[in-house]
Amino acid sequence: MRPALHRLRRLWTDRSGASALEFGLLLPVFVPVMFGLIQVGQLFWTQTALQHAVEMAARCATINATACSSTGLTQTYATTQAYGLTFPNGTFVATTAACGNQVTATYSFPVTVVAWFASSINLSARSCYPL
């Protein structure tokens, strides 16, 4: 009986696999959190790109009569000002409002969290020049 107790005590105090066990328990939590943070960063980058594009396009429609002389040219100009992102052509809408030349954008941002949950978040931006 004595050797069995000795083996049991040795097994109870053995710490050789503790790191592997902790890694195995935390990995399923850590990976989705990390990919979620990446998605949030992409979402903020996309929102910033939309806002910058509508501001530059509204300014261009007011100041630069050659590059943004029509609604279509203003929309095309807005897509080129989106910080390297490519948006569909119908994302931007240019109009003339009481505040001046107004450009609005709506975009459906796809959200996927490690293939378990897929959805989209609607982003929008609006700018009017001159304010």
Protein backbone atom coordinates (compact mmCIF):
# COMPACT_ATOMS: atom_id res chain seq x y z
CA MET A 1 0.00 0.00 0.00
CA ARG A 2 2.91 2.28 0.68
CA PRO A 3 4.14 2.36 -3.00
CA ALA A 4 0.64 3.21 -4.22
CA LEU A 5 0.44 6.23 -1.90
CA HIS A 6 3.88 7.33 -3.00
CA ARG A 7 2.86 7.18 -6.67
CA LEU A 8 -0.36 9.06 -5.96
CA ARG A 9 1.51 11.79 -4.08
CA ARG A 10 4.06 12.08 -6.90
CA LEU A 11 1.26 12.35 -9.47
CA TRP A 12 -0.51 15.01 -7.39
CA THR A 13 2.59 17.21 -7.09
CA ASP A 14 3.77 16.76 -10.70
CA ARG A 15 3.59 20.07 -12.64
CA SER A 16 5.17 19.01 -15.93
CA GLY A 17 2.00 19.40 -18.04
CA ALA A 18 0.49 22.49 -16.39
CA SER A 19 1.52 24.89 -19.16
CA ALA A 20 0.15 22.66 -21.90
CA LEU A 21 -3.13 22.27 -20.02
CA GLU A 22 -3.48 26.02 -19.48
CA PHE A 23 -2.70 26.66 -23.14
CA GLY A 24 -5.30 24.12 -24.22
CA LEU A 25 -7.94 25.65 -21.98
CA LEU A 26 -7.28 29.28 -22.99
CA LEU A 27 -6.74 28.84 -26.73
CA PRO A 28 -10.46 28.42 -27.60
CA VAL A 29 -11.15 31.71 -25.84
CA PHE A 30 -8.08 33.62 -27.02
CA VAL A 31 -8.44 32.95 -30.78
CA PRO A 32 -12.01 34.33 -31.18
CA VAL A 33 -11.15 37.34 -29.02
CA MET A 34 -8.10 38.07 -31.17
CA PHE A 35 -10.02 37.75 -34.43
CA GLY A 36 -12.81 39.88 -32.95
CA LEU A 37 -10.31 42.63 -32.18
CA ILE A 38 -9.03 42.45 -35.75
CA GLN A 39 -12.61 42.81 -37.03
CA VAL A 40 -13.23 45.82 -34.78
CA GLY A 41 -10.06 47.43 -36.12
CA GLN A 42 -11.21 46.83 -39.69
CA LEU A 43 -14.63 48.25 -38.86
CA PHE A 44 -13.14 51.47 -37.48
CA TRP A 45 -10.77 51.72 -40.46
CA THR A 46 -13.72 51.36 -42.86
CA GLN A 47 -15.79 53.97 -41.00
CA THR A 48 -12.86 56.41 -41.07
CA ALA A 49 -12.35 55.77 -44.78
CA LEU A 50 -16.04 56.44 -45.49
CA GLN A 51 -16.01 59.67 -43.51
CA HIS A 52 -12.83 60.89 -45.20
CA ALA A 53 -14.20 60.04 -48.64
CA VAL A 54 -17.48 61.93 -48.17
CA GLU A 55 -15.68 64.97 -46.74
CA MET A 56 -13.23 65.13 -49.64
CA ALA A 57 -15.97 64.55 -52.23
CA ALA A 58 -18.24 67.26 -50.79
CA ARG A 59 -15.30 69.68 -50.78
CA CYS A 60 -14.37 68.70 -54.34
CA ALA A 61 -17.96 69.24 -55.55
CA THR A 62 -17.85 72.78 -54.18
CA ILE A 63 -14.30 73.85 -55.03
CA ASN A 64 -13.14 71.81 -58.05
CA ALA A 65 -15.61 72.35 -60.87
CA THR A 66 -13.67 70.20 -63.36
CA ALA A 67 -12.96 67.04 -61.35
CA CYS A 68 -16.40 66.93 -59.68
CA SER A 69 -18.63 68.68 -62.20
CA SER A 70 -21.40 66.05 -62.08
CA THR A 71 -22.89 63.66 -59.56
CA GLY A 72 -21.20 60.68 -61.22
CA LEU A 73 -17.79 62.34 -61.16
CA THR A 74 -18.25 63.27 -57.50
CA GLN A 75 -19.13 59.65 -56.66
CA THR A 76 -16.08 58.42 -58.58
CA TYR A 77 -13.90 60.95 -56.79
CA ALA A 78 -15.27 59.75 -53.43
CA THR A 79 -14.30 56.14 -54.20
CA THR A 80 -10.72 57.25 -54.89
CA GLN A 81 -10.48 59.03 -51.52
CA ALA A 82 -11.37 56.02 -49.35
CA TYR A 83 -7.89 55.32 -47.86
CA GLY A 84 -7.12 52.44 -50.20
CA LEU A 85 -10.41 50.62 -49.69
CA THR A 86 -12.62 49.72 -52.63
CA PHE A 87 -16.31 50.44 -52.19
CA PRO A 88 -19.11 49.58 -54.63
CA ASN A 89 -20.12 52.41 -56.97
CA GLY A 90 -23.51 52.94 -55.32
CA THR A 91 -22.00 53.51 -51.87
CA PHE A 92 -21.76 57.29 -52.34
CA VAL A 93 -24.61 59.65 -53.21
CA ALA A 94 -23.95 63.30 -54.08
CA THR A 95 -26.74 65.88 -53.83
CA THR A 96 -27.18 69.61 -53.49
CA ALA A 97 -28.77 70.48 -50.14
CA ALA A 98 -29.49 73.67 -48.21
CA CYS A 99 -26.09 73.38 -46.51
CA GLY A 100 -24.22 73.15 -49.83
CA ASN A 101 -22.94 70.10 -51.71
CA GLN A 102 -23.75 67.03 -49.67
CA VAL A 103 -22.25 63.57 -50.06
CA THR A 104 -23.55 60.59 -48.10
CA ALA A 105 -22.33 57.02 -47.94
CA THR A 106 -23.88 53.80 -46.69
CA TYR A 107 -21.99 50.52 -46.56
CA SER A 108 -22.83 47.11 -45.15
CA PHE A 109 -19.70 45.92 -43.31
CA PRO A 110 -19.50 42.11 -43.18
CA VAL A 111 -18.72 40.70 -39.72
CA THR A 112 -17.50 37.13 -39.31
CA VAL A 113 -16.22 35.77 -36.03
CA VAL A 114 -14.25 32.59 -36.78
CA ALA A 115 -16.97 31.19 -39.07
CA TRP A 116 -19.41 30.75 -36.17
CA PHE A 117 -21.33 33.96 -36.56
CA ALA A 118 -21.77 35.94 -39.76
CA SER A 119 -23.67 39.20 -39.95
CA SER A 120 -23.24 42.75 -41.16
CA ILE A 121 -23.17 46.21 -39.62
CA ASN A 122 -24.48 49.19 -41.56
CA LEU A 123 -22.00 52.07 -41.63
CA SER A 124 -22.91 55.54 -42.79
CA ALA A 125 -21.19 58.88 -43.25
CA ARG A 126 -22.37 62.32 -44.34
CA SER A 127 -20.65 65.58 -45.16
CA CYS A 128 -21.83 68.90 -46.44
CA TYR A 129 -19.53 71.60 -47.80
CA PRO A 130 -19.52 74.44 -46.93
CA LEU A 131 -20.79 73.70 -43.46
